Amino acid sequence: MKFFKLLFERFLSAADAAKRLRILNGTAQKWVEQYTRDPNSIFEKQRKTGRPRILDEEHTKVIPECIDTSPSVALDELMKNLR
């Protein structure tokens, strides 16, 4: 990770490394704090953020089945099958 390379190899402060990489200072400070608590934590995959998926596993199976059954299916009809 470029941030930690600047921090440890070039001996820059978190603020200076953040400025060079054009990231928020608060983000850099959070990364340093997280690294201080657990050095391996920066390599762990974080939980996903953002909007949850609208379609679940069942939906991804139903849609192709409906289209295979009736290739000219209308969107309204397809939506009814998803419920």
PDB file of N, CA and C in Angstrom:
ATOM      1  N   MET A   1       0.852  -1.168   0.000  1.00  0.00           N
ATOM      2  CA  MET A   1       0.000   0.000   0.000  1.00  0.00           C
ATOM      3  C   MET A   1       0.903   1.238   0.000  1.00  0.00           C
ATOM      4  N   LYS A   2       0.650   2.138  -0.919  1.00  0.00           N
ATOM      5  CA  LYS A   2       1.510   3.308  -1.094  1.00  0.00           C
ATOM      6  C   LYS A   2       1.604   4.157   0.173  1.00  0.00           C
ATOM      7  N   PHE A   3       0.490   4.264   0.878  1.00  0.00           N
ATOM      8  CA  PHE A   3       0.471   5.096   2.077  1.00  0.00           C
ATOM      9  C   PHE A   3       1.507   4.616   3.089  1.00  0.00           C
ATOM     10  N   PHE A   4       1.511   3.317   3.375  1.00  0.00           N
ATOM     11  CA  PHE A   4       2.435   2.786   4.375  1.00  0.00           C
ATOM     12  C   PHE A   4       3.875   2.771   3.866  1.00  0.00           C
ATOM     13  N   LYS A   5       4.046   2.679   2.560  1.00  0.00           N
ATOM     14  CA  LYS A   5       5.391   2.771   1.992  1.00  0.00           C
ATOM     15  C   LYS A   5       5.965   4.163   2.262  1.00  0.00           C
ATOM     16  N   LEU A   6       5.151   5.194   2.050  1.00  0.00           N
ATOM     17  CA  LEU A   6       5.597   6.558   2.347  1.00  0.00           C
ATOM     18  C   LEU A   6       5.860   6.732   3.840  1.00  0.00           C
ATOM     19  N   LEU A   7       5.030   6.113   4.640  1.00  0.00           N
ATOM     20  CA  LEU A   7       5.140   6.247   6.092  1.00  0.00           C
ATOM     21  C   LEU A   7       6.414   5.587   6.627  1.00  0.00           C
ATOM     22  N   PHE A   8       6.680   4.356   6.188  1.00  0.00           N
ATOM     23  CA  PHE A   8       7.771   3.586   6.780  1.00  0.00           C
ATOM     24  C   PHE A   8       9.087   3.665   6.011  1.00  0.00           C
ATOM     25  N   GLU A   9       9.030   3.768   4.697  1.00  0.00           N
ATOM     26  CA  GLU A   9      10.272   3.788   3.924  1.00  0.00           C
ATOM     27  C   GLU A   9      10.806   5.198   3.706  1.00  0.00           C
ATOM     28  N   ARG A  10       9.902   6.142   3.561  1.00  0.00           N
ATOM     29  CA  ARG A  10      10.341   7.524   3.344  1.00  0.00           C
ATOM     30  C   ARG A  10      10.215   8.367   4.606  1.00  0.00           C
ATOM     31  N   PHE A  11       9.700   7.752   5.667  1.00  0.00           N
ATOM     32  CA  PHE A  11       9.591   8.386   6.986  1.00  0.00           C
ATOM     33  C   PHE A  11       8.774   9.678   6.963  1.00  0.00           C
ATOM     34  N   LEU A  12       7.703   9.679   6.170  1.00  0.00           N
ATOM     35  CA  LEU A  12       6.811  10.837   6.150  1.00  0.00           C
ATOM     36  C   LEU A  12       5.793  10.706   7.269  1.00  0.00           C
ATOM     37  N   SER A  13       5.263  11.829   7.695  1.00  0.00           N
ATOM     38  CA  SER A  13       4.177  11.790   8.675  1.00  0.00           C
ATOM     39  C   SER A  13       2.908  11.339   7.958  1.00  0.00           C
ATOM     40  N   ALA A  14       1.922  10.945   8.734  1.00  0.00           N
ATOM     41  CA  ALA A  14       0.652  10.524   8.144  1.00  0.00           C
ATOM     42  C   ALA A  14       0.033  11.666   7.352  1.00  0.00           C
ATOM     43  N   ALA A  15       0.132  12.877   7.872  1.00  0.00           N
ATOM     44  CA  ALA A  15      -0.437  14.045   7.187  1.00  0.00           C
ATOM     45  C   ALA A  15       0.271  14.307   5.861  1.00  0.00           C
ATOM     46  N   ASP A  16       1.602  14.208   5.852  1.00  0.00           N
ATOM     47  CA  ASP A  16       2.357  14.441   4.614  1.00  0.00           C
ATOM     48  C   ASP A  16       2.087  13.348   3.575  1.00  0.00           C
ATOM     49  N   ALA A  17       2.018  12.104   4.040  1.00  0.00           N
ATOM     50  CA  ALA A  17       1.715  11.000   3.123  1.00  0.00           C
ATOM     51  C   ALA A  17       0.312  11.167   2.544  1.00  0.00           C
ATOM     52  N   ALA A  18      -0.621  11.587   3.378  1.00  0.00           N
ATOM     53  CA  ALA A  18      -1.996  11.812   2.917  1.00  0.00           C
ATOM     54  C   ALA A  18      -2.038  12.921   1.876  1.00  0.00           C
ATOM     55  N   LYS A  19      -1.289  13.976   2.130  1.00  0.00           N
ATOM     56  CA  LYS A  19      -1.258  15.105   1.198  1.00  0.00           C
ATOM     57  C   LYS A  19      -0.705  14.664  -0.160  1.00  0.00           C
ATOM     58  N   ARG A  20       0.370  13.867  -0.140  1.00  0.00           N
ATOM     59  CA  ARG A  20       0.975  13.404  -1.402  1.00  0.00           C
ATOM     60  C   ARG A  20       0.031  12.502  -2.189  1.00  0.00           C
ATOM     61  N   LEU A  21      -0.738  11.688  -1.466  1.00  0.00           N
ATOM     62  CA  LEU A  21      -1.640  10.745  -2.128  1.00  0.00           C
ATOM     63  C   LEU A  21      -3.030  11.329  -2.361  1.00  0.00           C
ATOM     64  N   ARG A  22      -3.199  12.562  -1.916  1.00  0.00           N
ATOM     65  CA  ARG A  22      -4.482  13.260  -2.071  1.00  0.00           C
ATOM     66  C   ARG A  22      -5.635  12.504  -1.427  1.00  0.00           C
ATOM     67  N   ILE A  23      -5.387  12.061  -0.187  1.00  0.00           N
ATOM     68  CA  ILE A  23      -6.459  11.461   0.602  1.00  0.00           C
ATOM     69  C   ILE A  23      -6.690  12.342   1.812  1.00  0.00           C
ATOM     70  N   LEU A  24      -7.838  12.194   2.427  1.00  0.00           N
ATOM     71  CA  LEU A  24      -8.160  13.016   3.586  1.00  0.00           C
ATOM     72  C   LEU A  24      -7.235  12.679   4.756  1.00  0.00           C
ATOM     73  N   ASN A  25      -6.856  13.702   5.496  1.00  0.00           N
ATOM     74  CA  ASN A  25      -5.985  13.515   6.652  1.00  0.00           C
ATOM     75  C   ASN A  25      -6.645  12.587   7.674  1.00  0.00           C
ATOM     76  N   GLY A  26      -7.942  12.740   7.861  1.00  0.00           N
ATOM     77  CA  GLY A  26      -8.665  11.878   8.806  1.00  0.00           C
ATOM     78  C   GLY A  26      -8.596  10.415   8.421  1.00  0.00           C
ATOM     79  N   THR A  27      -8.655  10.139   7.135  1.00  0.00           N
ATOM     80  CA  THR A  27      -8.541   8.762   6.650  1.00  0.00           C
ATOM     81  C   THR A  27      -7.154   8.214   6.962  1.00  0.00           C
ATOM     82  N   ALA A  28      -6.137   9.016   6.719  1.00  0.00           N
ATOM     83  CA  ALA A  28      -4.760   8.597   7.005  1.00  0.00           C
ATOM     84  C   ALA A  28      -4.574   8.329   8.492  1.00  0.00           C
ATOM     85  N   GLN A  29      -5.102   9.205   9.321  1.00  0.00           N
ATOM     86  CA  GLN A  29      -4.985   9.024  10.772  1.00  0.00           C
ATOM     87  C   GLN A  29      -5.695   7.742  11.211  1.00  0.00           C
ATOM     88  N   LYS A  30      -6.842   7.459  10.599  1.00  0.00           N
ATOM     89  CA  LYS A  30      -7.594   6.246  10.932  1.00  0.00           C
ATOM     90  C   LYS A  30      -6.790   5.006  10.556  1.00  0.00           C
ATOM     91  N   TRP A  31      -6.128   5.046   9.387  1.00  0.00           N
ATOM     92  CA  TRP A  31      -5.313   3.913   8.961  1.00  0.00           C
ATOM     93  C   TRP A  31      -4.149   3.678   9.913  1.00  0.00           C
ATOM     94  N   VAL A  32      -3.509   4.757  10.355  1.00  0.00           N
ATOM     95  CA  VAL A  32      -2.383   4.633  11.288  1.00  0.00           C
ATOM     96  C   VAL A  32      -2.869   4.065  12.616  1.00  0.00           C
ATOM     97  N   GLU A  33      -3.989   4.562  13.091  1.00  0.00           N
ATOM     98  CA  GLU A  33      -4.552   4.074  14.359  1.00  0.00           C
ATOM     99  C   GLU A  33      -4.897   2.589  14.251  1.00  0.00           C
ATOM    100  N   GLN A  34      -5.499   2.208  13.139  1.00  0.00           N
ATOM    101  CA  GLN A  34      -5.855   0.809  12.920  1.00  0.00           C
ATOM    102  C   GLN A  34      -4.591  -0.054  12.857  1.00  0.00           C
ATOM    103  N   TYR A  35      -3.564   0.428  12.190  1.00  0.00           N
ATOM    104  CA  TYR A  35      -2.303  -0.304  12.093  1.00  0.00           C
ATOM    105  C   TYR A  35      -1.635  -0.428  13.461  1.00  0.00           C
ATOM    106  N   THR A  36      -1.735   0.621  14.264  1.00  0.00           N
ATOM    107  CA  THR A  36      -1.135   0.602  15.595  1.00  0.00           C
ATOM    108  C   THR A  36      -1.801  -0.456  16.473  1.00  0.00           C
ATOM    109  N   ARG A  37      -3.122  -0.546  16.378  1.00  0.00           N
ATOM    110  CA  ARG A  37      -3.858  -1.541  17.167  1.00  0.00           C
ATOM    111  C   ARG A  37      -3.535  -2.964  16.719  1.00  0.00           C
ATOM    112  N   ASP A  38      -3.518  -3.187  15.405  1.00  0.00           N
ATOM    113  CA  ASP A  38      -3.273  -4.526  14.865  1.00  0.00           C
ATOM    114  C   ASP A  38      -2.628  -4.399  13.488  1.00  0.00           C
ATOM    115  N   PRO A  39      -1.317  -4.595  13.391  1.00  0.00           N
ATOM    116  CA  PRO A  39      -0.614  -4.421  12.114  1.00  0.00           C
ATOM    117  C   PRO A  39      -1.158  -5.283  10.972  1.00  0.00           C
ATOM    118  N   ASN A  40      -1.725  -6.428  11.280  1.00  0.00           N
ATOM    119  CA  ASN A  40      -2.265  -7.297  10.228  1.00  0.00           C
ATOM    120  C   ASN A  40      -3.634  -6.849   9.736  1.00  0.00           C
ATOM    121  N   SER A  41      -4.272  -5.949  10.462  1.00  0.00           N
ATOM    122  CA  SER A  41      -5.638  -5.550  10.118  1.00  0.00           C
ATOM    123  C   SER A  41      -5.725  -4.810   8.788  1.00  0.00           C
ATOM    124  N   ILE A  42      -4.648  -4.196   8.350  1.00  0.00           N
ATOM    125  CA  ILE A  42      -4.710  -3.456   7.083  1.00  0.00           C
ATOM    126  C   ILE A  42      -4.818  -4.392   5.890  1.00  0.00           C
ATOM    127  N   PHE A  43      -4.505  -5.672   6.093  1.00  0.00           N
ATOM    128  CA  PHE A  43      -4.574  -6.631   5.003  1.00  0.00           C
ATOM    129  C   PHE A  43      -5.881  -7.415   4.997  1.00  0.00           C
ATOM    130  N   GLU A  44      -6.692  -7.246   6.049  1.00  0.00           N
ATOM    131  CA  GLU A  44      -7.966  -7.949   6.122  1.00  0.00           C
ATOM    132  C   GLU A  44      -9.000  -7.237   5.264  1.00  0.00           C
ATOM    133  N   LYS A  45      -9.825  -8.020   4.628  1.00  0.00           N
ATOM    134  CA  LYS A  45     -10.876  -7.446   3.789  1.00  0.00           C
ATOM    135  C   LYS A  45     -11.969  -6.879   4.701  1.00  0.00           C
ATOM    136  N   GLN A  46     -12.336  -5.653   4.426  1.00  0.00           N
ATOM    137  CA  GLN A  46     -13.356  -4.992   5.228  1.00  0.00           C
ATOM    138  C   GLN A  46     -14.739  -5.388   4.738  1.00  0.00           C
ATOM    139  N   ARG A  47     -15.722  -5.202   5.606  1.00  0.00           N
ATOM    140  CA  ARG A  47     -17.089  -5.521   5.205  1.00  0.00           C
ATOM    141  C   ARG A  47     -17.531  -4.562   4.109  1.00  0.00           C
ATOM    142  N   LYS A  48     -18.416  -5.040   3.292  1.00  0.00           N
ATOM    143  CA  LYS A  48     -18.886  -4.225   2.177  1.00  0.00           C
ATOM    144  C   LYS A  48     -19.778  -3.106   2.694  1.00  0.00           C
ATOM    145  N   THR A  49     -19.641  -1.975   2.060  1.00  0.00           N
ATOM    146  CA  THR A  49     -20.486  -0.847   2.414  1.00  0.00           C
ATOM    147  C   THR A  49     -21.331  -0.484   1.212  1.00  0.00           C
ATOM    148  N   GLY A  50     -22.282   0.374   1.442  1.00  0.00           N
ATOM    149  CA  GLY A  50     -23.132   0.808   0.345  1.00  0.00           C
ATOM    150  C   GLY A  50     -24.491   0.151   0.387  1.00  0.00           C
ATOM    151  N   ARG A  51     -25.210   0.362  -0.654  1.00  0.00           N
ATOM    152  CA  ARG A  51     -26.572  -0.135  -0.745  1.00  0.00           C
ATOM    153  C   ARG A  51     -26.576  -1.656  -0.881  1.00  0.00           C
ATOM    154  N   PRO A  52     -27.456  -2.332  -0.127  1.00  0.00           N
ATOM    155  CA  PRO A  52     -27.540  -3.784  -0.262  1.00  0.00           C
ATOM    156  C   PRO A  52     -28.159  -4.174  -1.606  1.00  0.00           C
ATOM    157  N   ARG A  53     -27.889  -5.373  -2.030  1.00  0.00           N
ATOM    158  CA  ARG A  53     -28.419  -5.851  -3.305  1.00  0.00           C
ATOM    159  C   ARG A  53     -29.935  -5.952  -3.256  1.00  0.00           C
ATOM    160  N   ILE A  54     -30.555  -5.642  -4.359  1.00  0.00           N
ATOM    161  CA  ILE A  54     -32.006  -5.748  -4.461  1.00  0.00           C
ATOM    162  C   ILE A  54     -32.392  -7.179  -4.812  1.00  0.00           C
ATOM    163  N   LEU A  55     -31.625  -7.805  -5.675  1.00  0.00           N
ATOM    164  CA  LEU A  55     -31.910  -9.173  -6.089  1.00  0.00           C
ATOM    165  C   LEU A  55     -31.112 -10.154  -5.245  1.00  0.00           C
ATOM    166  N   ASP A  56     -31.776 -11.238  -4.832  1.00  0.00           N
ATOM    167  CA  ASP A  56     -31.065 -12.264  -4.074  1.00  0.00           C
ATOM    168  C   ASP A  56     -30.799 -13.470  -4.981  1.00  0.00           C
ATOM    169  N   GLU A  57     -30.312 -14.550  -4.402  1.00  0.00           N
ATOM    170  CA  GLU A  57     -29.960 -15.744  -5.179  1.00  0.00           C
ATOM    171  C   GLU A  57     -31.161 -16.307  -5.932  1.00  0.00           C
ATOM    172  N   GLU A  58     -32.313 -16.313  -5.270  1.00  0.00           N
ATOM    173  CA  GLU A  58     -33.517 -16.861  -5.903  1.00  0.00           C
ATOM    174  C   GLU A  58     -33.900 -16.049  -7.143  1.00  0.00           C
ATOM    175  N   HIS A  59     -33.785 -14.734  -7.032  1.00  0.00           N
ATOM    176  CA  HIS A  59     -34.112 -13.873  -8.170  1.00  0.00           C
ATOM    177  C   HIS A  59     -33.211 -14.175  -9.367  1.00  0.00           C
ATOM    178  N   THR A  60     -31.939 -14.397  -9.094  1.00  0.00           N
ATOM    179  CA  THR A  60     -31.005 -14.637 -10.197  1.00  0.00           C
ATOM    180  C   THR A  60     -31.275 -15.971 -10.894  1.00  0.00           C
ATOM    181  N   LYS A  61     -32.014 -16.861 -10.232  1.00  0.00           N
ATOM    182  CA  LYS A  61     -32.408 -18.119 -10.867  1.00  0.00           C
ATOM    183  C   LYS A  61     -33.720 -17.954 -11.628  1.00  0.00           C
ATOM    184  N   VAL A  62     -34.651 -17.196 -11.050  1.00  0.00           N
ATOM    185  CA  VAL A  62     -35.987 -17.038 -11.627  1.00  0.00           C
ATOM    186  C   VAL A  62     -35.943 -16.259 -12.938  1.00  0.00           C
ATOM    187  N   ILE A  63     -35.149 -15.212 -13.005  1.00  0.00           N
ATOM    188  CA  ILE A  63     -35.121 -14.353 -14.200  1.00  0.00           C
ATOM    189  C   ILE A  63     -34.736 -15.135 -15.459  1.00  0.00           C
ATOM    190  N   PRO A  64     -33.614 -15.871 -15.469  1.00  0.00           N
ATOM    191  CA  PRO A  64     -33.281 -16.631 -16.689  1.00  0.00           C
ATOM    192  C   PRO A  64     -34.326 -17.697 -17.032  1.00  0.00           C
ATOM    193  N   GLU A  65     -34.923 -18.325 -15.988  1.00  0.00           N
ATOM    194  CA  GLU A  65     -35.953 -19.334 -16.238  1.00  0.00           C
ATOM    195  C   GLU A  65     -37.152 -18.720 -16.949  1.00  0.00           C
ATOM    196  N   CYS A  66     -37.586 -17.545 -16.499  1.00  0.00           N
ATOM    197  CA  CYS A  66     -38.723 -16.864 -17.120  1.00  0.00           C
ATOM    198  C   CYS A  66     -38.411 -16.493 -18.564  1.00  0.00           C
ATOM    199  N   ILE A  67     -37.215 -16.009 -18.800  1.00  0.00           N
ATOM    200  CA  ILE A  67     -36.831 -15.604 -20.155  1.00  0.00           C
ATOM    201  C   ILE A  67     -36.695 -16.823 -21.062  1.00  0.00           C
ATOM    202  N   ASP A  68     -36.150 -17.935 -20.520  1.00  0.00           N
ATOM    203  CA  ASP A  68     -36.034 -19.161 -21.314  1.00  0.00           C
ATOM    204  C   ASP A  68     -37.407 -19.715 -21.670  1.00  0.00           C
ATOM    205  N   THR A  69     -38.339 -19.636 -20.720  1.00  0.00           N
ATOM    206  CA  THR A  69     -39.691 -20.140 -20.940  1.00  0.00           C
ATOM    207  C   THR A  69     -40.428 -19.300 -21.977  1.00  0.00           C
ATOM    208  N   SER A  70     -40.289 -17.988 -21.843  1.00  0.00           N
ATOM    209  CA  SER A  70     -40.989 -17.081 -22.751  1.00  0.00           C
ATOM    210  C   SER A  70     -40.063 -15.923 -23.105  1.00  0.00           C
ATOM    211  N   PRO A  71     -39.323 -16.039 -24.209  1.00  0.00           N
ATOM    212  CA  PRO A  71     -38.354 -14.996 -24.576  1.00  0.00           C
ATOM    213  C   PRO A  71     -38.961 -13.605 -24.768  1.00  0.00           C
ATOM    214  N   SER A  72     -40.241 -13.533 -25.072  1.00  0.00           N
ATOM    215  CA  SER A  72     -40.872 -12.227 -25.281  1.00  0.00           C
ATOM    216  C   SER A  72     -41.599 -11.734 -24.032  1.00  0.00           C
ATOM    217  N   VAL A  73     -41.225 -12.258 -22.875  1.00  0.00           N
ATOM    218  CA  VAL A  73     -41.876 -11.873 -21.625  1.00  0.00           C
ATOM    219  C   VAL A  73     -41.714 -10.368 -21.396  1.00  0.00           C
ATOM    220  N   ALA A  74     -42.793  -9.750 -20.927  1.00  0.00           N
ATOM    221  CA  ALA A  74     -42.763  -8.314 -20.640  1.00  0.00           C
ATOM    222  C   ALA A  74     -42.184  -8.088 -19.252  1.00  0.00           C
ATOM    223  N   LEU A  75     -41.662  -6.913 -19.035  1.00  0.00           N
ATOM    224  CA  LEU A  75     -41.054  -6.585 -17.750  1.00  0.00           C
ATOM    225  C   LEU A  75     -42.059  -6.705 -16.613  1.00  0.00           C
ATOM    226  N   ASP A  76     -43.293  -6.253 -16.839  1.00  0.00           N
ATOM    227  CA  ASP A  76     -44.325  -6.345 -15.797  1.00  0.00           C
ATOM    228  C   ASP A  76     -44.560  -7.790 -15.383  1.00  0.00           C
ATOM    229  N   GLU A  77     -44.602  -8.674 -16.368  1.00  0.00           N
ATOM    230  CA  GLU A  77     -44.824 -10.087 -16.094  1.00  0.00           C
ATOM    231  C   GLU A  77     -43.628 -10.675 -15.342  1.00  0.00           C
ATOM    232  N   LEU A  78     -42.452 -10.283 -15.731  1.00  0.00           N
ATOM    233  CA  LEU A  78     -41.237 -10.745 -15.066  1.00  0.00           C
ATOM    234  C   LEU A  78     -41.211 -10.288 -13.611  1.00  0.00           C
ATOM    235  N   MET A  79     -41.623  -9.060 -13.363  1.00  0.00           N
ATOM    236  CA  MET A  79     -41.665  -8.528 -11.995  1.00  0.00           C
ATOM    237  C   MET A  79     -42.643  -9.314 -11.130  1.00  0.00           C
ATOM    238  N   LYS A  80     -43.767  -9.736 -11.697  1.00  0.00           N
ATOM    239  CA  LYS A  80     -44.748 -10.537 -10.946  1.00  0.00           C
ATOM    240  C   LYS A  80     -44.130 -11.862 -10.521  1.00  0.00           C
ATOM    241  N   ASN A  81     -43.324 -12.457 -11.391  1.00  0.00           N
ATOM    242  CA  ASN A  81     -42.684 -13.735 -11.071  1.00  0.00           C
ATOM    243  C   ASN A  81     -41.620 -13.600  -9.986  1.00  0.00           C
ATOM    244  N   LEU A  82     -41.094 -12.418  -9.808  1.00  0.00           N
ATOM    245  CA  LEU A  82     -40.061 -12.207  -8.788  1.00  0.00           C
ATOM    246  C   LEU A  82     -40.647 -12.108  -7.386  1.00  0.00           C
ATOM    247  N   ARG A  83     -41.893 -11.790  -7.291  1.00  0.00           N
ATOM    248  CA  ARG A  83     -42.511 -11.615  -5.958  1.00  0.00           C
ATOM    249  C   ARG A  83     -42.873 -12.887  -5.348  1.00  0.00           C
TER     250      ARG A  83
END
